[in-house]
């Protein structure tokens, strides 16, 4: 949510340019999971970063409920 507002691009089409600028700086050996995530999901047509935030929050809240932290 807040991440979506602060990301360095406005449209999904701009995402490719941002990734191309960032990826050469990252070692695929050091960040193999990030590389896989980017190639397999983020760069695929129709990917919407905002959808991931909602899913992630649901996973966190479900876990907290199971632990009894949330009622």
PDB file of N, CA and C in Angstrom:
ATOM      1  N   UNK A   1       0.819  -1.167   0.000  1.00  0.00           N
ATOM      2  CA  UNK A   1       0.000   0.000   0.000  1.00  0.00           C
ATOM      3  C   UNK A   1       0.869   1.239   0.000  1.00  0.00           C
ATOM      4  N   UNK A   2       1.583   1.462   1.099  1.00  0.00           N
ATOM      5  CA  UNK A   2       2.507   2.588   1.127  1.00  0.00           C
ATOM      6  C   UNK A   2       3.650   2.351   0.147  1.00  0.00           C
ATOM      7  N   UNK A   3       4.056   1.086   0.007  1.00  0.00           N
ATOM      8  CA  UNK A   3       5.099   0.756  -0.951  1.00  0.00           C
ATOM      9  C   UNK A   3       4.658   1.093  -2.368  1.00  0.00           C
ATOM     10  N   UNK A   4       3.402   0.800  -2.679  1.00  0.00           N
ATOM     11  CA  UNK A   4       2.884   1.090  -4.011  1.00  0.00           C
ATOM     12  C   UNK A   4       2.905   2.567  -4.320  1.00  0.00           C
ATOM     13  N   UNK A   5       2.640   3.385  -3.339  1.00  0.00           N
ATOM     14  CA  UNK A   5       2.640   4.834  -3.526  1.00  0.00           C
ATOM     15  C   UNK A   5       4.057   5.344  -3.723  1.00  0.00           C
ATOM     16  N   UNK A   6       5.035   4.711  -3.066  1.00  0.00           N
ATOM     17  CA  UNK A   6       6.412   5.184  -3.103  1.00  0.00           C
ATOM     18  C   UNK A   6       7.298   4.510  -4.136  1.00  0.00           C
ATOM     19  N   UNK A   7       6.747   3.609  -4.936  1.00  0.00           N
ATOM     20  CA  UNK A   7       7.594   2.935  -5.909  1.00  0.00           C
ATOM     21  C   UNK A   7       8.057   3.932  -6.969  1.00  0.00           C
ATOM     22  N   UNK A   8       9.217   3.651  -7.584  1.00  0.00           N
ATOM     23  CA  UNK A   8       9.821   4.636  -8.494  1.00  0.00           C
ATOM     24  C   UNK A   8       9.249   4.635  -9.911  1.00  0.00           C
ATOM     25  N   UNK A   9       8.025   4.198 -10.088  1.00  0.00           N
ATOM     26  CA  UNK A   9       7.389   4.207 -11.396  1.00  0.00           C
ATOM     27  C   UNK A   9       5.884   4.283 -11.197  1.00  0.00           C
ATOM     28  N   UNK A  10       5.181   4.702 -12.235  1.00  0.00           N
ATOM     29  CA  UNK A  10       3.737   4.894 -12.126  1.00  0.00           C
ATOM     30  C   UNK A  10       2.936   3.778 -12.781  1.00  0.00           C
ATOM     31  N   UNK A  11       3.374   3.306 -13.888  1.00  0.00           N
ATOM     32  CA  UNK A  11       2.627   2.310 -14.646  1.00  0.00           C
ATOM     33  C   UNK A  11       3.392   0.994 -14.677  1.00  0.00           C
ATOM     34  N   UNK A  12       2.682  -0.090 -14.832  1.00  0.00           N
ATOM     35  CA  UNK A  12       3.309  -1.404 -14.910  1.00  0.00           C
ATOM     36  C   UNK A  12       4.292  -1.466 -16.071  1.00  0.00           C
ATOM     37  N   UNK A  13       4.010  -0.767 -17.161  1.00  0.00           N
ATOM     38  CA  UNK A  13       4.907  -0.764 -18.314  1.00  0.00           C
ATOM     39  C   UNK A  13       6.278  -0.197 -17.953  1.00  0.00           C
ATOM     40  N   UNK A  14       6.332   0.724 -17.012  1.00  0.00           N
ATOM     41  CA  UNK A  14       7.599   1.315 -16.584  1.00  0.00           C
ATOM     42  C   UNK A  14       8.431   0.349 -15.754  1.00  0.00           C
ATOM     43  N   UNK A  15       7.822  -0.704 -15.264  1.00  0.00           N
ATOM     44  CA  UNK A  15       8.498  -1.661 -14.398  1.00  0.00           C
ATOM     45  C   UNK A  15       9.713  -2.274 -15.079  1.00  0.00           C
ATOM     46  N   UNK A  16       9.604  -2.588 -16.356  1.00  0.00           N
ATOM     47  CA  UNK A  16      10.726  -3.201 -17.076  1.00  0.00           C
ATOM     48  C   UNK A  16      11.955  -2.295 -17.071  1.00  0.00           C
ATOM     49  N   UNK A  17      11.757  -1.009 -17.263  1.00  0.00           N
ATOM     50  CA  UNK A  17      12.874  -0.071 -17.248  1.00  0.00           C
ATOM     51  C   UNK A  17      13.524  -0.009 -15.865  1.00  0.00           C
ATOM     52  N   UNK A  18      12.710  -0.013 -14.836  1.00  0.00           N
ATOM     53  CA  UNK A  18      13.232   0.043 -13.470  1.00  0.00           C
ATOM     54  C   UNK A  18      14.036  -1.212 -13.163  1.00  0.00           C
ATOM     55  N   UNK A  19      13.491  -2.371 -13.508  1.00  0.00           N
ATOM     56  CA  UNK A  19      14.187  -3.636 -13.250  1.00  0.00           C
ATOM     57  C   UNK A  19      15.499  -3.698 -14.019  1.00  0.00           C
ATOM     58  N   UNK A  20      15.477  -3.284 -15.278  1.00  0.00           N
ATOM     59  CA  UNK A  20      16.699  -3.302 -16.077  1.00  0.00           C
ATOM     60  C   UNK A  20      17.780  -2.399 -15.474  1.00  0.00           C
ATOM     61  N   UNK A  21      17.379  -1.323 -14.828  1.00  0.00           N
ATOM     62  CA  UNK A  21      18.341  -0.422 -14.209  1.00  0.00           C
ATOM     63  C   UNK A  21      18.905  -0.995 -12.910  1.00  0.00           C
ATOM     64  N   UNK A  22      18.092  -1.766 -12.185  1.00  0.00           N
ATOM     65  CA  UNK A  22      18.502  -2.281 -10.879  1.00  0.00           C
ATOM     66  C   UNK A  22      19.260  -3.601 -10.978  1.00  0.00           C
ATOM     67  N   UNK A  23      18.805  -4.512 -11.808  1.00  0.00           N
ATOM     68  CA  UNK A  23      19.334  -5.870 -11.830  1.00  0.00           C
ATOM     69  C   UNK A  23      20.835  -5.972 -12.095  1.00  0.00           C
ATOM     70  N   UNK A  24      21.433  -5.164 -12.976  1.00  0.00           N
ATOM     71  CA  UNK A  24      22.886  -5.307 -13.176  1.00  0.00           C
ATOM     72  C   UNK A  24      23.700  -5.048 -11.906  1.00  0.00           C
ATOM     73  N   UNK A  25      23.154  -4.303 -10.983  1.00  0.00           N
ATOM     74  CA  UNK A  25      23.858  -3.993  -9.737  1.00  0.00           C
ATOM     75  C   UNK A  25      23.806  -5.149  -8.734  1.00  0.00           C
ATOM     76  N   UNK A  26      22.909  -6.106  -8.966  1.00  0.00           N
ATOM     77  CA  UNK A  26      22.732  -7.208  -8.026  1.00  0.00           C
ATOM     78  C   UNK A  26      23.365  -8.476  -8.569  1.00  0.00           C
ATOM     79  N   UNK A  27      24.085  -9.156  -7.722  1.00  0.00           N
ATOM     80  CA  UNK A  27      24.678 -10.424  -8.102  1.00  0.00           C
ATOM     81  C   UNK A  27      23.610 -11.506  -8.059  1.00  0.00           C
ATOM     82  N   UNK A  28      23.443 -12.221  -9.161  1.00  0.00           N
ATOM     83  CA  UNK A  28      22.446 -13.287  -9.170  1.00  0.00           C
ATOM     84  C   UNK A  28      22.833 -14.408  -8.218  1.00  0.00           C
ATOM     85  N   UNK A  29      24.117 -14.550  -7.911  1.00  0.00           N
ATOM     86  CA  UNK A  29      24.545 -15.554  -6.925  1.00  0.00           C
ATOM     87  C   UNK A  29      24.138 -15.140  -5.514  1.00  0.00           C
ATOM     88  N   UNK A  30      24.288 -13.867  -5.205  1.00  0.00           N
ATOM     89  CA  UNK A  30      23.943 -13.373  -3.871  1.00  0.00           C
ATOM     90  C   UNK A  30      22.439 -13.220  -3.682  1.00  0.00           C
ATOM     91  N   UNK A  31      21.726 -12.968  -4.753  1.00  0.00           N
ATOM     92  CA  UNK A  31      20.291 -12.704  -4.682  1.00  0.00           C
ATOM     93  C   UNK A  31      19.521 -13.628  -5.619  1.00  0.00           C
ATOM     94  N   UNK A  32      19.797 -14.917  -5.535  1.00  0.00           N
ATOM     95  CA  UNK A  32      19.195 -15.870  -6.472  1.00  0.00           C
ATOM     96  C   UNK A  32      17.675 -15.914  -6.351  1.00  0.00           C
ATOM     97  N   UNK A  33      17.151 -15.811  -5.146  1.00  0.00           N
ATOM     98  CA  UNK A  33      15.697 -15.854  -4.978  1.00  0.00           C
ATOM     99  C   UNK A  33      15.040 -14.585  -5.514  1.00  0.00           C
ATOM    100  N   UNK A  34      15.669 -13.447  -5.322  1.00  0.00           N
ATOM    101  CA  UNK A  34      15.149 -12.197  -5.874  1.00  0.00           C
ATOM    102  C   UNK A  34      15.164 -12.247  -7.404  1.00  0.00           C
ATOM    103  N   UNK A  35      16.230 -12.795  -7.962  1.00  0.00           N
ATOM    104  CA  UNK A  35      16.320 -12.931  -9.408  1.00  0.00           C
ATOM    105  C   UNK A  35      15.208 -13.829  -9.932  1.00  0.00           C
ATOM    106  N   UNK A  36      14.994 -14.963  -9.270  1.00  0.00           N
ATOM    107  CA  UNK A  36      13.936 -15.885  -9.692  1.00  0.00           C
ATOM    108  C   UNK A  36      12.564 -15.229  -9.591  1.00  0.00           C
ATOM    109  N   UNK A  37      12.295 -14.542  -8.485  1.00  0.00           N
ATOM    110  CA  UNK A  37      11.022 -13.847  -8.313  1.00  0.00           C
ATOM    111  C   UNK A  37      10.804 -12.829  -9.423  1.00  0.00           C
ATOM    112  N   UNK A  38      11.829 -12.067  -9.713  1.00  0.00           N
ATOM    113  CA  UNK A  38      11.716 -11.023 -10.727  1.00  0.00           C
ATOM    114  C   UNK A  38      11.429 -11.606 -12.102  1.00  0.00           C
ATOM    115  N   UNK A  39      12.163 -12.634 -12.483  1.00  0.00           N
ATOM    116  CA  UNK A  39      12.003 -13.219 -13.815  1.00  0.00           C
ATOM    117  C   UNK A  39      10.693 -13.994 -13.928  1.00  0.00           C
ATOM    118  N   UNK A  40      10.381 -14.798 -12.918  1.00  0.00           N
ATOM    119  CA  UNK A  40       9.228 -15.697 -13.003  1.00  0.00           C
ATOM    120  C   UNK A  40       7.882 -14.998 -12.751  1.00  0.00           C
ATOM    121  N   UNK A  41       7.897 -13.900 -11.994  1.00  0.00           N
ATOM    122  CA  UNK A  41       6.627 -13.266 -11.629  1.00  0.00           C
ATOM    123  C   UNK A  41       6.547 -11.802 -12.051  1.00  0.00           C
ATOM    124  N   UNK A  42       7.469 -11.001 -11.562  1.00  0.00           N
ATOM    125  CA  UNK A  42       7.365  -9.551 -11.736  1.00  0.00           C
ATOM    126  C   UNK A  42       7.406  -9.134 -13.204  1.00  0.00           C
ATOM    127  N   UNK A  43       8.226  -9.773 -14.001  1.00  0.00           N
ATOM    128  CA  UNK A  43       8.348  -9.379 -15.400  1.00  0.00           C
ATOM    129  C   UNK A  43       7.310 -10.027 -16.307  1.00  0.00           C
ATOM    130  N   UNK A  44       6.422 -10.804 -15.750  1.00  0.00           N
ATOM    131  CA  UNK A  44       5.384 -11.455 -16.554  1.00  0.00           C
ATOM    132  C   UNK A  44       4.239 -10.472 -16.837  1.00  0.00           C
ATOM    133  N   UNK A  45       3.640 -10.583 -18.006  1.00  0.00           N
ATOM    134  CA  UNK A  45       2.512  -9.693 -18.348  1.00  0.00           C
ATOM    135  C   UNK A  45       1.380  -9.823 -17.325  1.00  0.00           C
ATOM    136  N   UNK A  46       0.822  -8.706 -16.945  1.00  0.00           N
ATOM    137  CA  UNK A  46      -0.315  -8.700 -16.031  1.00  0.00           C
ATOM    138  C   UNK A  46       0.049  -8.681 -14.562  1.00  0.00           C
ATOM    139  N   UNK A  47       1.342  -8.752 -14.245  1.00  0.00           N
ATOM    140  CA  UNK A  47       1.745  -8.730 -12.842  1.00  0.00           C
ATOM    141  C   UNK A  47       1.404  -7.364 -12.243  1.00  0.00           C
ATOM    142  N   UNK A  48       0.796  -7.373 -11.067  1.00  0.00           N
ATOM    143  CA  UNK A  48       0.444  -6.135 -10.371  1.00  0.00           C
ATOM    144  C   UNK A  48       1.010  -6.193  -8.961  1.00  0.00           C
ATOM    145  N   UNK A  49       1.992  -5.379  -8.707  1.00  0.00           N
ATOM    146  CA  UNK A  49       2.674  -5.367  -7.418  1.00  0.00           C
ATOM    147  C   UNK A  49       1.695  -5.145  -6.267  1.00  0.00           C
ATOM    148  N   UNK A  50       0.685  -4.336  -6.483  1.00  0.00           N
ATOM    149  CA  UNK A  50      -0.292  -4.038  -5.440  1.00  0.00           C
ATOM    150  C   UNK A  50      -1.041  -5.261  -4.961  1.00  0.00           C
ATOM    151  N   UNK A  51      -1.245  -6.230  -5.820  1.00  0.00           N
ATOM    152  CA  UNK A  51      -1.939  -7.451  -5.414  1.00  0.00           C
ATOM    153  C   UNK A  51      -1.138  -8.257  -4.403  1.00  0.00           C
ATOM    154  N   UNK A  52       0.178  -8.166  -4.457  1.00  0.00           N
ATOM    155  CA  UNK A  52       1.035  -8.924  -3.544  1.00  0.00           C
ATOM    156  C   UNK A  52       0.910  -8.411  -2.117  1.00  0.00           C
ATOM    157  N   UNK A  53       0.721  -7.132  -1.947  1.00  0.00           N
ATOM    158  CA  UNK A  53       0.623  -6.554  -0.605  1.00  0.00           C
ATOM    159  C   UNK A  53      -0.582  -7.100   0.142  1.00  0.00           C
ATOM    160  N   UNK A  54      -1.707  -7.161  -0.531  1.00  0.00           N
ATOM    161  CA  UNK A  54      -2.924  -7.652   0.113  1.00  0.00           C
ATOM    162  C   UNK A  54      -2.762  -9.117   0.515  1.00  0.00           C
ATOM    163  N   UNK A  55      -2.223  -9.923  -0.375  1.00  0.00           N
ATOM    164  CA  UNK A  55      -2.003 -11.338  -0.075  1.00  0.00           C
ATOM    165  C   UNK A  55      -1.035 -11.483   1.103  1.00  0.00           C
ATOM    166  N   UNK A  56       0.030 -10.726   1.098  1.00  0.00           N
ATOM    167  CA  UNK A  56       1.018 -10.789   2.181  1.00  0.00           C
ATOM    168  C   UNK A  56       0.413 -10.429   3.523  1.00  0.00           C
ATOM    169  N   UNK A  57      -0.410  -9.409   3.543  1.00  0.00           N
ATOM    170  CA  UNK A  57      -1.068  -9.020   4.796  1.00  0.00           C
ATOM    171  C   UNK A  57      -2.005 -10.115   5.291  1.00  0.00           C
ATOM    172  N   UNK A  58      -2.716 -10.765   4.385  1.00  0.00           N
ATOM    173  CA  UNK A  58      -3.597 -11.864   4.775  1.00  0.00           C
ATOM    174  C   UNK A  58      -2.807 -12.996   5.414  1.00  0.00           C
ATOM    175  N   UNK A  59      -1.662 -13.324   4.844  1.00  0.00           N
ATOM    176  CA  UNK A  59      -0.815 -14.386   5.396  1.00  0.00           C
ATOM    177  C   UNK A  59      -0.338 -14.010   6.794  1.00  0.00           C
ATOM    178  N   UNK A  60       0.093 -12.776   6.970  1.00  0.00           N
ATOM    179  CA  UNK A  60       0.571 -12.311   8.279  1.00  0.00           C
ATOM    180  C   UNK A  60      -0.559 -12.335   9.305  1.00  0.00           C
ATOM    181  N   UNK A  61      -1.713 -11.794   8.952  1.00  0.00           N
ATOM    182  CA  UNK A  61      -2.843 -11.762   9.896  1.00  0.00           C
ATOM    183  C   UNK A  61      -3.326 -13.168  10.249  1.00  0.00           C
ATOM    184  N   UNK A  62      -3.363 -14.065   9.264  1.00  0.00           N
ATOM    185  CA  UNK A  62      -3.750 -15.447   9.545  1.00  0.00           C
ATOM    186  C   UNK A  62      -2.787 -16.086  10.540  1.00  0.00           C
ATOM    187  N   UNK A  63      -1.501 -15.858  10.342  1.00  0.00           N
ATOM    188  CA  UNK A  63      -0.499 -16.401  11.255  1.00  0.00           C
ATOM    189  C   UNK A  63      -0.639 -15.833  12.655  1.00  0.00           C
ATOM    190  N   UNK A  64      -0.880 -14.538  12.750  1.00  0.00           N
ATOM    191  CA  UNK A  64      -1.051 -13.914  14.061  1.00  0.00           C
ATOM    192  C   UNK A  64      -2.302 -14.429  14.764  1.00  0.00           C
ATOM    193  N   UNK A  65      -3.372 -14.668  14.015  1.00  0.00           N
ATOM    194  CA  UNK A  65      -4.586 -15.233  14.592  1.00  0.00           C
ATOM    195  C   UNK A  65      -4.331 -16.645  15.114  1.00  0.00           C
ATOM    196  N   UNK A  66      -3.605 -17.450  14.357  1.00  0.00           N
ATOM    197  CA  UNK A  66      -3.305 -18.821  14.789  1.00  0.00           C
ATOM    198  C   UNK A  66      -2.461 -18.831  16.069  1.00  0.00           C
ATOM    199  N   UNK A  67      -1.600 -17.841  16.200  1.00  0.00           N
ATOM    200  CA  UNK A  67      -0.770 -17.736  17.399  1.00  0.00           C
ATOM    201  C   UNK A  67      -1.538 -17.155  18.585  1.00  0.00           C
ATOM    202  N   UNK A  68      -2.732 -16.644  18.333  1.00  0.00           N
ATOM    203  CA  UNK A  68      -3.537 -16.064  19.393  1.00  0.00           C
ATOM    204  C   UNK A  68      -3.209 -14.613  19.690  1.00  0.00           C
ATOM    205  N   UNK A  69      -2.387 -14.007  18.843  1.00  0.00           N
ATOM    206  CA  UNK A  69      -2.022 -12.600  19.039  1.00  0.00           C
ATOM    207  C   UNK A  69      -3.183 -11.688  18.672  1.00  0.00           C
ATOM    208  N   UNK A  70      -3.925 -12.079  17.637  1.00  0.00           N
ATOM    209  CA  UNK A  70      -5.100 -11.333  17.215  1.00  0.00           C
ATOM    210  C   UNK A  70      -6.354 -12.144  17.531  1.00  0.00           C
ATOM    211  N   UNK A  71      -7.396 -11.440  17.901  1.00  0.00           N
ATOM    212  CA  UNK A  71      -8.655 -12.146  18.214  1.00  0.00           C
ATOM    213  C   UNK A  71      -9.456 -12.392  16.972  1.00  0.00           C
TER     214      UNK A  71
END
